[in-house]
Protein backbone atom coordinates (compact mmCIF):
# COMPACT_ATOMS: atom_id res chain seq x y z
CA MET A 1 -24.14 153.61 -139.94
CA ASP A 2 -24.90 157.32 -139.48
CA ALA A 3 -24.21 160.05 -142.04
CA ASN A 4 -20.53 160.05 -141.12
CA GLY A 5 -20.19 156.29 -141.48
CA SER A 6 -20.09 155.71 -137.72
CA ARG A 7 -21.37 152.48 -136.13
CA ARG A 8 -21.46 153.97 -132.62
CA ASN A 9 -25.15 153.20 -132.07
CA GLU A 10 -24.75 149.49 -132.79
CA ASP A 11 -24.45 147.01 -129.95
CA PRO A 12 -20.63 146.70 -129.69
CA TYR A 13 -20.84 143.06 -128.60
CA LEU A 14 -23.15 141.96 -131.42
CA ARG A 15 -20.94 143.83 -133.87
CA LEU A 16 -18.08 141.59 -132.73
CA GLY A 17 -20.25 138.46 -132.91
CA VAL A 18 -20.66 138.08 -129.12
CA ARG A 19 -24.16 137.58 -127.67
CA PRO A 20 -24.77 139.34 -124.33
CA PHE A 21 -26.76 137.55 -121.63
CA ILE A 22 -28.95 138.15 -118.60
CA ASN A 23 -26.65 137.71 -115.61
CA CYS A 24 -28.05 135.30 -112.99
CA CYS A 25 -24.64 134.23 -111.65
CA SER A 26 -23.57 137.24 -109.57
CA VAL A 27 -20.28 139.04 -110.18
CA ARG A 28 -17.74 136.60 -111.61
CA THR A 29 -14.85 138.25 -113.45
CA ILE A 30 -15.17 135.84 -116.36
CA HIS A 31 -18.69 137.21 -116.94
CA GLY A 32 -17.66 140.85 -116.78
CA GLY A 33 -18.12 141.47 -113.05
CA SER A 34 -21.00 143.89 -112.55
CA LEU A 35 -22.37 146.87 -114.49
CA MET A 36 -20.85 150.21 -113.54
CA LEU A 37 -23.08 152.73 -111.80
CA PRO A 38 -24.20 155.71 -113.92
CA GLU A 39 -22.42 157.99 -111.44
CA VAL A 40 -19.19 156.04 -111.95
CA LYS A 41 -19.41 156.22 -115.74
CA ALA A 42 -20.06 159.96 -115.61
CA ALA A 43 -17.09 160.58 -113.30
CA MET A 44 -14.78 158.50 -115.50
CA ALA A 45 -15.92 160.34 -118.61
CA GLU A 46 -15.02 163.65 -116.95
CA ALA A 47 -11.68 162.28 -115.76
CA SER A 48 -10.83 161.26 -119.33
CA LYS A 49 -10.89 164.90 -120.52
CA ARG A 50 -7.81 166.18 -118.64
CA TYR A 51 -4.31 165.18 -117.59
CA VAL A 52 -3.11 164.70 -114.01
CA ASN A 53 -0.03 163.33 -112.32
CA VAL A 54 -0.83 159.77 -111.22
CA TYR A 55 1.37 160.01 -108.09
CA GLU A 56 -0.58 163.06 -106.93
CA LEU A 57 -3.91 161.48 -107.83
CA MET A 58 -3.16 158.23 -106.00
CA GLU A 59 -2.04 160.15 -102.88
CA GLN A 60 -5.26 162.15 -102.73
CA ALA A 61 -7.42 159.13 -103.64
CA GLY A 62 -5.75 157.18 -100.82
CA ASP A 63 -6.57 159.90 -98.33
CA ARG A 64 -10.18 160.07 -99.55
CA LEU A 65 -10.59 156.30 -99.28
CA ALA A 66 -9.23 156.44 -95.74
CA GLU A 67 -11.78 159.14 -94.90
CA LEU A 68 -14.66 157.11 -96.41
CA THR A 69 -13.78 153.70 -94.96
CA GLY A 70 -12.09 154.56 -91.67
CA ALA A 71 -8.92 152.70 -92.71
CA GLY A 72 -5.45 154.18 -92.26
CA TRP A 73 -5.01 154.54 -96.01
CA GLY A 74 -6.42 153.18 -99.27
CA PHE A 75 -4.78 152.11 -102.50
CA VAL A 76 -6.45 151.47 -105.87
CA THR A 77 -5.12 148.37 -107.67
CA CYS A 78 -5.87 146.86 -111.07
CA GLY A 79 -8.16 144.21 -109.62
CA SER A 80 -8.20 142.15 -106.44
CA ALA A 81 -5.56 139.62 -107.51
CA ALA A 82 -3.15 142.51 -108.09
CA ALA A 83 -3.92 143.72 -104.56
CA VAL A 84 -2.94 140.28 -103.22
CA CYS A 85 0.32 140.39 -105.18
CA LEU A 86 1.21 143.94 -104.20
CA ALA A 87 0.38 143.40 -100.54
CA ALA A 88 2.77 140.44 -100.56
CA ALA A 89 5.43 142.44 -102.41
CA GLY A 90 5.10 145.29 -99.94
CA SER A 91 5.39 142.89 -97.02
CA VAL A 92 8.53 141.28 -98.48
CA ALA A 93 10.30 144.36 -99.91
CA GLY A 94 8.64 147.35 -98.26
CA ASN A 95 9.75 150.53 -100.01
CA ASP A 96 13.42 149.47 -100.05
CA PRO A 97 14.34 150.07 -103.72
CA GLU A 98 17.08 147.44 -103.69
CA LYS A 99 14.63 144.77 -102.57
CA ILE A 100 11.87 146.04 -104.87
CA LEU A 101 14.05 145.69 -107.96
CA ARG A 102 15.25 142.20 -106.95
CA LEU A 103 11.76 140.66 -106.74
CA PRO A 104 10.94 137.83 -107.41
CA ASN A 105 14.44 136.99 -106.19
CA THR A 106 13.83 136.96 -102.44
CA GLU A 107 17.15 135.50 -101.32
CA GLY A 108 18.18 137.04 -98.01
CA MET A 109 14.69 138.47 -97.35
CA LYS A 110 11.75 137.41 -95.21
CA ASN A 111 9.90 135.47 -97.87
CA ARG A 112 7.38 133.15 -96.23
CA VAL A 113 3.64 133.85 -96.35
CA ILE A 114 1.47 131.94 -93.89
CA ILE A 115 -2.01 130.75 -94.92
CA PRO A 116 -4.22 128.83 -92.47
CA LYS A 117 -4.95 125.27 -93.57
CA GLY A 118 -8.15 125.07 -95.63
CA GLN A 119 -7.88 128.63 -96.91
CA ARG A 120 -5.72 128.16 -99.99
CA PHE A 121 -7.36 129.70 -103.06
CA ALA A 122 -6.88 129.70 -106.81
CA TYR A 123 -5.47 133.23 -106.81
CA ASP A 124 -2.65 132.63 -104.35
CA HIS A 125 -0.44 132.41 -107.45
CA ALA A 126 -0.43 136.19 -107.01
CA ILE A 127 1.55 135.66 -103.80
CA ARG A 128 3.95 133.11 -105.26
CA MET A 129 4.81 135.34 -108.23
CA THR A 130 6.57 137.74 -105.83
CA GLY A 131 9.03 134.96 -104.98
CA ALA A 132 7.38 134.27 -101.64
CA ARG A 133 6.82 130.73 -100.44
CA ILE A 134 3.42 129.78 -99.01
CA ILE A 135 3.37 127.80 -95.77
CA GLU A 136 0.15 126.27 -94.41
CA VAL A 137 -0.43 126.04 -90.67
CA GLU A 138 -3.30 124.47 -88.75
CA SER A 139 -2.67 125.37 -85.11
CA ARG A 140 -1.45 128.28 -83.05
CA ALA A 141 1.63 126.29 -82.09
CA GLU A 142 2.53 125.80 -85.78
CA LEU A 143 1.95 129.51 -86.38
CA VAL A 144 4.29 130.51 -83.55
CA ARG A 145 6.93 128.08 -84.76
CA GLU A 146 6.91 129.71 -88.20
CA PHE A 147 6.98 133.19 -86.70
CA ASP A 148 9.98 132.25 -84.56
CA SER A 149 11.91 131.28 -87.71
CA GLY A 150 12.27 134.97 -88.50
CA LEU A 151 11.38 134.34 -92.15
CA VAL A 152 7.67 135.20 -92.23
CA ALA A 153 6.78 138.31 -94.22
CA MET A 154 2.97 138.18 -94.08
CA VAL A 155 -0.09 136.15 -93.11
CA CYS A 156 -2.90 135.83 -95.69
CA VAL A 157 -6.46 134.89 -94.67
CA LEU A 158 -9.28 134.05 -97.09
CA GLY A 159 -12.25 135.95 -95.73
CA THR A 160 -14.97 133.67 -97.11
CA ASN A 161 -13.46 130.63 -95.34
CA GLU A 162 -12.09 132.25 -92.16
CA HIS A 163 -15.06 131.18 -90.05
CA LYS A 164 -14.53 127.53 -91.02
CA GLY A 165 -10.93 127.30 -89.83
CA LYS A 166 -9.48 126.11 -86.55
CA LEU A 167 -7.22 129.18 -86.39
CA ARG A 168 -9.29 132.36 -86.09
CA LEU A 169 -8.16 135.84 -87.05
CA GLU A 170 -7.99 137.08 -83.43
CA GLU A 171 -5.59 134.26 -82.54
CA ILE A 172 -3.37 135.06 -85.50
CA ALA A 173 -3.37 138.77 -84.64
CA ALA A 174 -2.43 138.06 -81.03
CA GLU A 175 0.80 136.45 -82.23
CA ALA A 176 1.48 138.50 -85.37
CA ARG A 177 0.98 142.07 -84.17
CA PRO A 178 3.60 142.00 -81.36
CA ARG A 179 6.07 140.67 -83.97
CA ARG A 180 5.04 143.36 -86.53
CA ILE A 181 4.06 140.71 -89.09
CA PRO A 182 1.25 142.11 -91.27
CA ILE A 183 -2.00 140.20 -91.77
CA LEU A 184 -3.89 140.46 -95.09
CA VAL A 185 -7.53 139.40 -95.49
CA ASP A 186 -8.79 138.71 -99.01
CA ALA A 187 -12.43 139.80 -98.88
CA ALA A 188 -12.66 140.51 -102.62
CA SER A 189 -16.08 138.93 -103.04
CA GLU A 190 -17.63 140.52 -99.96
CA HIS A 191 -19.53 143.74 -99.25
CA ILE A 192 -17.46 146.59 -97.87
CA SER A 193 -18.61 148.16 -94.59
CA ARG A 194 -17.58 150.86 -92.11
CA PRO A 195 -16.02 150.21 -89.68
CA ASP A 196 -14.34 147.34 -91.47
CA PRO A 197 -14.91 144.06 -89.58
CA TRP A 198 -11.62 142.48 -90.67
CA LEU A 199 -9.47 145.45 -89.65
CA GLY A 200 -11.47 145.61 -86.43
CA ARG A 201 -10.62 142.00 -85.64
CA GLY A 202 -6.88 142.52 -86.02
CA ALA A 203 -5.98 142.45 -89.73
CA ASN A 204 -3.55 145.05 -91.07
CA MET A 205 -4.85 145.02 -94.65
CA VAL A 206 -8.07 143.99 -96.40
CA ILE A 207 -8.95 143.64 -100.08
CA TYR A 208 -12.24 144.38 -101.84
CA SER A 209 -13.11 144.14 -105.51
CA GLY A 210 -13.98 147.42 -107.20
CA GLY A 211 -15.84 145.83 -110.08
CA LYS A 212 -18.13 143.48 -108.18
CA PHE A 213 -20.64 144.62 -105.55
CA LEU A 214 -19.31 148.19 -105.50
CA ARG A 215 -20.16 148.47 -109.23
CA GLY A 216 -17.03 150.44 -109.98
CA PRO A 217 -14.63 149.80 -112.88
CA GLN A 218 -14.22 146.05 -113.37
CA THR A 219 -10.43 146.28 -113.51
CA THR A 220 -10.07 147.84 -110.04
CA GLY A 221 -9.49 146.56 -106.53
CA LEU A 222 -9.07 148.23 -103.14
CA LEU A 223 -6.32 147.58 -100.61
CA LEU A 224 -7.26 149.21 -97.30
CA GLY A 225 -5.62 149.15 -93.90
CA ASP A 226 -2.69 150.37 -91.82
CA ARG A 227 -1.08 153.32 -93.56
CA ASP A 228 2.49 151.98 -93.61
CA CYS A 229 1.47 148.51 -94.84
CA VAL A 230 -0.70 149.85 -97.65
CA ARG A 231 1.85 152.45 -98.70
CA ALA A 232 4.51 149.72 -98.85
CA ALA A 233 2.30 147.88 -101.34
CA TRP A 234 1.85 151.10 -103.33
CA ALA A 235 5.65 151.49 -103.48
CA ASN A 236 5.79 148.24 -105.47
CA ALA A 237 2.98 149.22 -107.87
CA SER A 238 2.71 151.04 -111.18
CA PRO A 239 3.80 153.63 -112.15
CA HIS A 240 6.76 152.87 -109.86
CA GLN A 241 9.44 150.72 -111.46
CA GLY A 242 9.29 147.21 -110.07
CA LEU A 243 7.37 143.94 -110.03
CA GLY A 244 4.01 145.72 -110.11
CA ARG A 245 4.73 147.98 -113.08
CA PRO A 246 2.62 145.82 -115.45
CA MET A 247 -0.37 146.20 -113.07
CA LYS A 248 -1.33 149.65 -114.35
CA VAL A 249 -4.34 151.61 -113.06
CA SER A 250 -5.63 154.47 -115.18
CA LYS A 251 -6.54 157.92 -113.90
CA GLU A 252 -10.12 157.21 -114.99
CA ASP A 253 -10.24 153.97 -112.98
CA ILE A 254 -8.94 155.71 -109.86
CA VAL A 255 -11.63 158.37 -110.07
CA GLY A 256 -14.26 155.73 -110.92
CA ILE A 257 -13.68 153.51 -107.90
CA VAL A 258 -13.45 156.43 -105.47
CA THR A 259 -16.81 157.60 -106.85
CA ALA A 260 -18.25 154.10 -106.35
CA VAL A 261 -17.13 154.04 -102.69
CA GLU A 262 -18.56 157.52 -102.14
CA TYR A 263 -21.88 156.38 -103.58
CA TRP A 264 -21.84 153.14 -101.55
CA PHE A 265 -21.49 154.98 -98.23
CA GLY A 266 -23.65 157.91 -99.28
CA GLU A 267 -26.53 157.72 -101.74
CA ARG A 268 -26.87 153.98 -102.30
CA ASP A 269 -30.18 152.56 -101.02
CA HIS A 270 -29.18 149.10 -99.78
CA LYS A 271 -32.66 148.29 -98.44
CA ALA A 272 -34.22 148.99 -101.84
CA GLU A 273 -31.63 146.73 -103.51
CA GLU A 274 -32.40 143.90 -101.09
CA LYS A 275 -36.13 144.25 -101.77
CA LYS A 276 -35.52 144.13 -105.53
CA TRP A 277 -33.49 140.92 -105.16
CA GLN A 278 -36.30 139.25 -103.24
CA ASP A 279 -38.93 140.50 -105.69
CA ASP A 280 -36.97 139.24 -108.69
CA LEU A 281 -36.51 135.79 -107.16
CA ALA A 282 -40.23 135.65 -106.33
CA THR A 283 -41.06 136.53 -109.95
CA ILE A 284 -38.86 133.72 -111.28
CA ALA A 285 -40.23 131.19 -108.77
CA ALA A 286 -43.82 132.12 -109.68
CA ALA A 287 -43.14 131.29 -113.34
CA LEU A 288 -42.26 127.70 -112.34
CA LYS A 289 -45.18 126.93 -110.01
CA SER A 290 -47.28 125.22 -112.69
CA ASN A 291 -44.67 122.47 -113.23
CA PRO A 292 -45.25 119.74 -110.58
CA ALA A 293 -41.79 118.26 -111.17
CA VAL A 294 -40.07 121.52 -110.16
CA THR A 295 -39.36 122.89 -106.68
CA THR A 296 -38.00 126.27 -105.59
CA LYS A 297 -36.58 127.57 -102.32
CA ILE A 298 -34.76 130.70 -101.20
CA LEU A 299 -31.26 130.51 -99.75
CA GLU A 300 -31.16 133.50 -97.42
CA PRO A 301 -27.88 135.44 -96.93
CA HIS A 302 -25.53 133.84 -94.39
CA ASP A 303 -22.01 134.41 -93.02
CA VAL A 304 -20.26 136.82 -95.44
CA VAL A 305 -22.82 136.22 -98.24
CA ARG A 306 -25.21 139.19 -98.46
CA VAL A 307 -27.31 138.28 -101.52
CA PRO A 308 -30.12 135.67 -101.43
CA ARG A 309 -30.33 132.93 -104.07
CA LEU A 310 -33.14 130.89 -105.59
CA VAL A 311 -32.53 127.14 -105.78
CA ILE A 312 -34.48 125.53 -108.64
CA GLY A 313 -34.67 121.75 -108.35
CA TRP A 314 -36.50 119.02 -110.29
CA ASP A 315 -37.42 115.36 -110.30
CA GLN A 316 -34.99 113.72 -112.71
CA ALA A 317 -37.39 110.83 -113.28
CA LYS A 318 -39.72 113.32 -114.93
CA LEU A 319 -37.16 115.81 -116.24
CA PRO A 320 -34.13 113.93 -117.61
CA LEU A 321 -31.45 116.59 -117.37
CA THR A 322 -28.67 117.77 -115.06
CA GLY A 323 -27.90 121.24 -113.78
CA VAL A 324 -25.12 121.58 -116.36
CA ASP A 325 -27.57 120.54 -119.09
CA LEU A 326 -29.92 123.34 -118.02
CA TRP A 327 -27.01 125.79 -117.80
CA ARG A 328 -26.08 125.02 -121.40
CA ALA A 329 -29.67 125.20 -122.66
CA LEU A 330 -30.26 128.58 -121.03
CA LEU A 331 -27.03 129.91 -122.48
CA ASP A 332 -27.82 128.65 -125.99
CA GLY A 333 -31.37 130.05 -126.13
CA GLU A 334 -32.98 133.44 -126.57
CA PRO A 335 -32.91 135.46 -124.44
CA ARG A 336 -29.53 134.19 -123.39
CA VAL A 337 -29.42 133.50 -119.62
CA MET A 338 -26.22 132.82 -117.65
CA VAL A 339 -26.53 130.87 -114.39
CA ASP A 340 -23.58 129.74 -112.30
CA ASP A 341 -22.12 126.49 -113.65
CA MET A 342 -20.21 125.92 -110.40
CA ASP A 343 -23.42 125.70 -108.36
CA ALA A 344 -25.19 123.39 -110.80
CA SER A 345 -25.88 119.98 -109.25
CA GLU A 346 -27.31 116.78 -110.71
CA ALA A 347 -30.85 118.12 -110.32
CA SER A 348 -30.69 121.82 -109.48
CA ILE A 349 -29.39 125.24 -110.41
CA GLN A 350 -29.17 128.50 -108.48
CA ILE A 351 -30.25 132.00 -109.50
CA ASP A 352 -28.34 134.98 -108.08
CA PRO A 353 -30.31 138.21 -108.52
CA PHE A 354 -27.54 140.79 -108.08
CA GLY A 355 -26.90 141.25 -111.81
CA ILE A 356 -30.53 141.01 -112.97
CA GLN A 357 -31.60 144.33 -114.48
CA PRO A 358 -35.12 145.86 -114.16
CA GLY A 359 -37.64 143.84 -116.17
CA GLU A 360 -35.34 140.86 -116.76
CA ALA A 361 -36.66 138.57 -113.98
CA LYS A 362 -39.86 137.85 -115.88
CA ALA A 363 -37.86 136.87 -118.98
CA VAL A 364 -35.62 134.58 -116.89
CA GLY A 365 -38.61 132.82 -115.31
CA ALA A 366 -40.25 132.30 -118.69
CA ARG A 367 -37.05 130.97 -120.25
CA VAL A 368 -36.34 128.50 -117.42
CA ALA A 369 -39.95 127.31 -117.52
CA GLU A 370 -39.73 126.85 -121.28
CA VAL A 371 -36.56 124.75 -121.15
CA LEU A 372 -37.91 122.54 -118.37
CA ALA A 373 -41.17 122.03 -120.26
CA GLN A 374 -39.22 121.00 -123.35
CA LYS A 375 -37.17 118.50 -121.34
CA ALA A 376 -40.34 116.92 -119.96
CA LYS A 377 -41.26 115.99 -123.54
CA ALA A 378 -37.77 114.91 -124.52
CA THR A 379 -36.95 111.29 -125.26
CA PRO A 380 -34.80 109.52 -122.66
CA ALA A 381 -31.07 109.84 -123.11
CA VAL A 382 -29.44 107.22 -125.29
CA GLN A 383 -27.55 104.71 -123.18
CA PRO A 384 -23.86 104.18 -123.97
CA SER A 385 -23.26 101.55 -126.61
CA PRO A 386 -21.51 98.33 -125.60
CA SER A 387 -17.87 98.37 -126.56
CA GLN A 388 -15.54 95.64 -127.69
CA LEU A 389 -12.47 97.76 -127.01
CA LYS A 390 -9.91 96.42 -124.55
CA LEU A 391 -8.19 99.48 -123.13
CA ALA A 392 -6.57 98.16 -119.95
CA GLY A 393 -2.83 98.72 -119.84
CA THR A 394 -0.34 101.56 -120.22
CA TRP A 395 -0.63 104.18 -122.95
CA SER A 396 1.99 106.70 -124.07
CA VAL A 397 0.24 110.00 -124.68
CA LYS A 398 1.39 112.91 -126.83
CA ILE A 399 -0.25 116.33 -126.41
CA ALA A 400 0.30 119.09 -128.96
CA PHE A 401 0.11 122.34 -126.98
CA LEU A 402 0.24 125.75 -128.68
CA ASN A 403 3.89 125.99 -127.70
CA GLY A 404 5.53 122.57 -127.88
CA GLU A 405 4.52 118.99 -127.12
CA ALA A 406 4.23 117.09 -123.85
CA ALA A 407 4.52 113.37 -123.13
CA HIS A 408 2.07 111.94 -120.56
CA VAL A 409 1.22 108.39 -119.50
CA LEU A 410 -2.21 106.81 -118.93
CA THR A 411 -2.38 103.54 -117.01
CA LEU A 412 -5.91 102.18 -117.33
CA LYS A 413 -8.08 99.49 -115.77
CA GLN A 414 -11.35 98.47 -117.40
CA ASP A 415 -14.54 97.10 -115.90
CA GLY A 416 -17.04 96.75 -118.72
CA GLN A 417 -17.59 100.29 -119.99
CA SER A 418 -16.01 101.95 -116.93
CA LEU A 419 -12.38 103.08 -116.97
CA SER A 420 -10.12 104.01 -114.07
CA GLY A 421 -6.42 104.28 -113.37
CA THR A 422 -3.73 106.95 -113.25
CA HIS A 423 -2.69 109.90 -115.39
CA LYS A 424 0.97 110.92 -115.17
CA THR A 425 1.85 114.42 -116.39
CA GLN A 426 5.30 115.97 -116.53
CA PHE A 427 5.15 116.92 -112.85
CA ALA A 428 2.31 114.95 -111.21
CA GLU A 429 0.47 111.63 -111.10
CA ASN A 430 -3.15 111.29 -110.00
CA ALA A 431 -6.31 109.29 -110.58
CA VAL A 432 -8.18 109.26 -113.87
CA GLU A 433 -11.66 107.89 -114.54
CA GLY A 434 -14.03 107.68 -117.48
CA GLU A 435 -15.92 105.41 -119.82
CA VAL A 436 -15.89 103.83 -123.25
CA SER A 437 -18.90 103.67 -125.58
CA GLY A 438 -18.56 101.99 -128.94
CA ASN A 439 -15.25 103.28 -130.20
CA ARG A 440 -15.50 106.52 -128.20
CA ILE A 441 -13.48 107.15 -125.04
CA ARG A 442 -13.83 109.81 -122.35
CA LEU A 443 -11.45 110.34 -119.44
CA HIS A 444 -11.11 113.02 -116.76
CA SER A 445 -8.31 113.69 -114.29
CA ARG A 446 -7.69 116.43 -111.74
CA HIS A 447 -4.26 117.26 -110.31
CA PRO A 448 -3.95 119.35 -107.11
CA TYR A 449 -1.31 122.06 -107.29
CA GLU A 450 -0.82 124.71 -104.62
CA GLY A 451 -4.24 126.34 -104.17
CA THR A 452 -5.87 124.97 -107.30
CA ARG A 453 -6.31 121.85 -109.46
CA LEU A 454 -5.38 121.15 -113.05
CA SER A 455 -8.18 119.55 -115.09
CA TYR A 456 -7.70 117.34 -118.15
CA ARG A 457 -10.71 116.04 -120.09
CA PHE A 458 -9.73 113.53 -122.78
CA GLU A 459 -12.27 112.81 -125.51
CA GLY A 460 -11.51 110.75 -128.60
CA GLU A 461 -11.85 107.45 -130.37
CA ALA A 462 -9.91 104.27 -130.95
CA LYS A 463 -8.71 103.48 -134.43
CA GLU A 464 -6.28 100.76 -135.50
CA GLY A 465 -4.99 100.15 -131.99
CA ALA A 466 -4.35 103.81 -131.21
CA LEU A 467 -6.31 106.56 -129.48
CA ALA A 468 -6.71 110.17 -130.61
CA GLY A 469 -8.97 113.13 -129.96
CA THR A 470 -9.25 116.51 -128.24
CA LEU A 471 -8.10 117.38 -124.74
CA THR A 472 -9.93 120.13 -122.81
CA LEU A 473 -7.63 122.06 -120.47
CA GLY A 474 -8.42 124.07 -117.37
CA THR A 475 -7.88 124.76 -113.72
CA SER A 476 -10.31 125.09 -110.85
CA GLY A 477 -10.28 125.67 -107.11
CA VAL A 478 -12.71 124.23 -104.60
CA HIS A 479 -15.66 124.86 -106.92
CA ALA A 480 -15.28 123.09 -110.25
CA GLY A 481 -17.44 123.84 -113.24
CA PRO A 482 -17.32 123.57 -117.04
CA ILE A 483 -16.16 127.18 -117.48
CA ASN A 484 -13.10 127.00 -115.22
CA GLU A 485 -12.25 123.49 -116.38
CA SER A 486 -12.06 124.63 -120.00
CA GLN A 487 -10.44 128.04 -119.46
CA HIS A 488 -7.09 127.11 -121.03
CA GLY A 489 -8.57 125.91 -124.28
CA SER A 490 -7.94 122.59 -125.96
CA ALA A 491 -5.21 120.54 -127.58
CA PRO A 492 -5.08 117.48 -129.86
CA TRP A 493 -3.87 114.28 -128.19
CA SER A 494 -2.93 110.81 -129.34
CA ALA A 495 -1.88 107.65 -127.54
CA THR A 496 -0.25 104.35 -128.39
CA ARG A 497 0.18 101.27 -126.25
CA ALA A 498 3.28 101.12 -124.09
CA GLY A 499 2.45 97.93 -122.27
């Protein structure tokens, strides 16, 4: 503490008992996005010193974003998921105050949102919360049939998967634009450019994250596009009264993200950034060359991905660990290193250099090399113990959530130590698989729902004919990893035989 008893010079994270890490997993929200640019922090600090009217500020910020990006208008949201929600709300309700106040009751309104098959995503809950219903289509004929129903409010396209689909954006636009049905592209995890490629190909609105590659405030997003469409979304947003009122954006955040966009299209040296990424990956790879069981290769940018990655692989016969094992070891050590758990395979991890700060690449290479060297000397993993437990049959399961209990059913088959069967929740029934070792049991089930999957990981032991333990709860989209599949915490569970 200083003379006045202040702790302002202490690391605020360590003071709270949280250990920071070197970011080798790009710009995931759960890891804090990116680090704000110095220019952004300075602008926000200045903005915090005076009062302004938020309506006036948002109007002028929207005009400035239009000038910078070439879009019809721009709107600052409290993150990309909020932009998805507000774009849907604007497409359903427009700026009609009667409709705005009725959301999410969409009775009597156009309330269908079309998403091409294969482009559902974990955040499309942001669409459904407006009261809209998501309809998947695979062909142009299906698209036209939905349009002819007169109930479609909007089309939503996931930018990262658009090139993989049978129905391309130009085809959608050819049918949607004559019918005045707006098209939204979620490009939150992409690099913004001018002119915008998505708007150029026929979309009416496009979303970018403010707190990822732009390095603006983490809690901001950008909705850009046709002036009327974007302003309709703004009519549903805070500080207006309506569905979007809880999605507040501060005056400091508005100034911060506009500053980030100005810097992106003005002073930012993109070539120098790209060179630094390559240099950092080369530094990390060089630290691993002396280990004959380890291989490295560069994944160059492709499609909408603009940042290269380093794939670190190993011979599991010589290094008995998985990618998740290495992820955990790097996170537990010093310095703490965070790699992407979703890209960890049985014998590889990936390093994304975007978040690596000057001087950190050498520390990352040394830490990865150290962990792999330790694993080479480690004793082989202990094989599961034979079990005498007979677990085949039906089990009644009780789960004690933070707010109430739930009754589930496990129907198991057993083949030695392997378990399989079904897990029935309150609303779904899907496959479950796992194993038994001694008196310990592990089971895992995933349940598709809309654009995501529920994950249940049962761990426990058998005692006196009953089962009990801890259930890990989470959800995940296409990419599953330990972080997403544990994001909802845990709950105690118990089970007794039902048959």
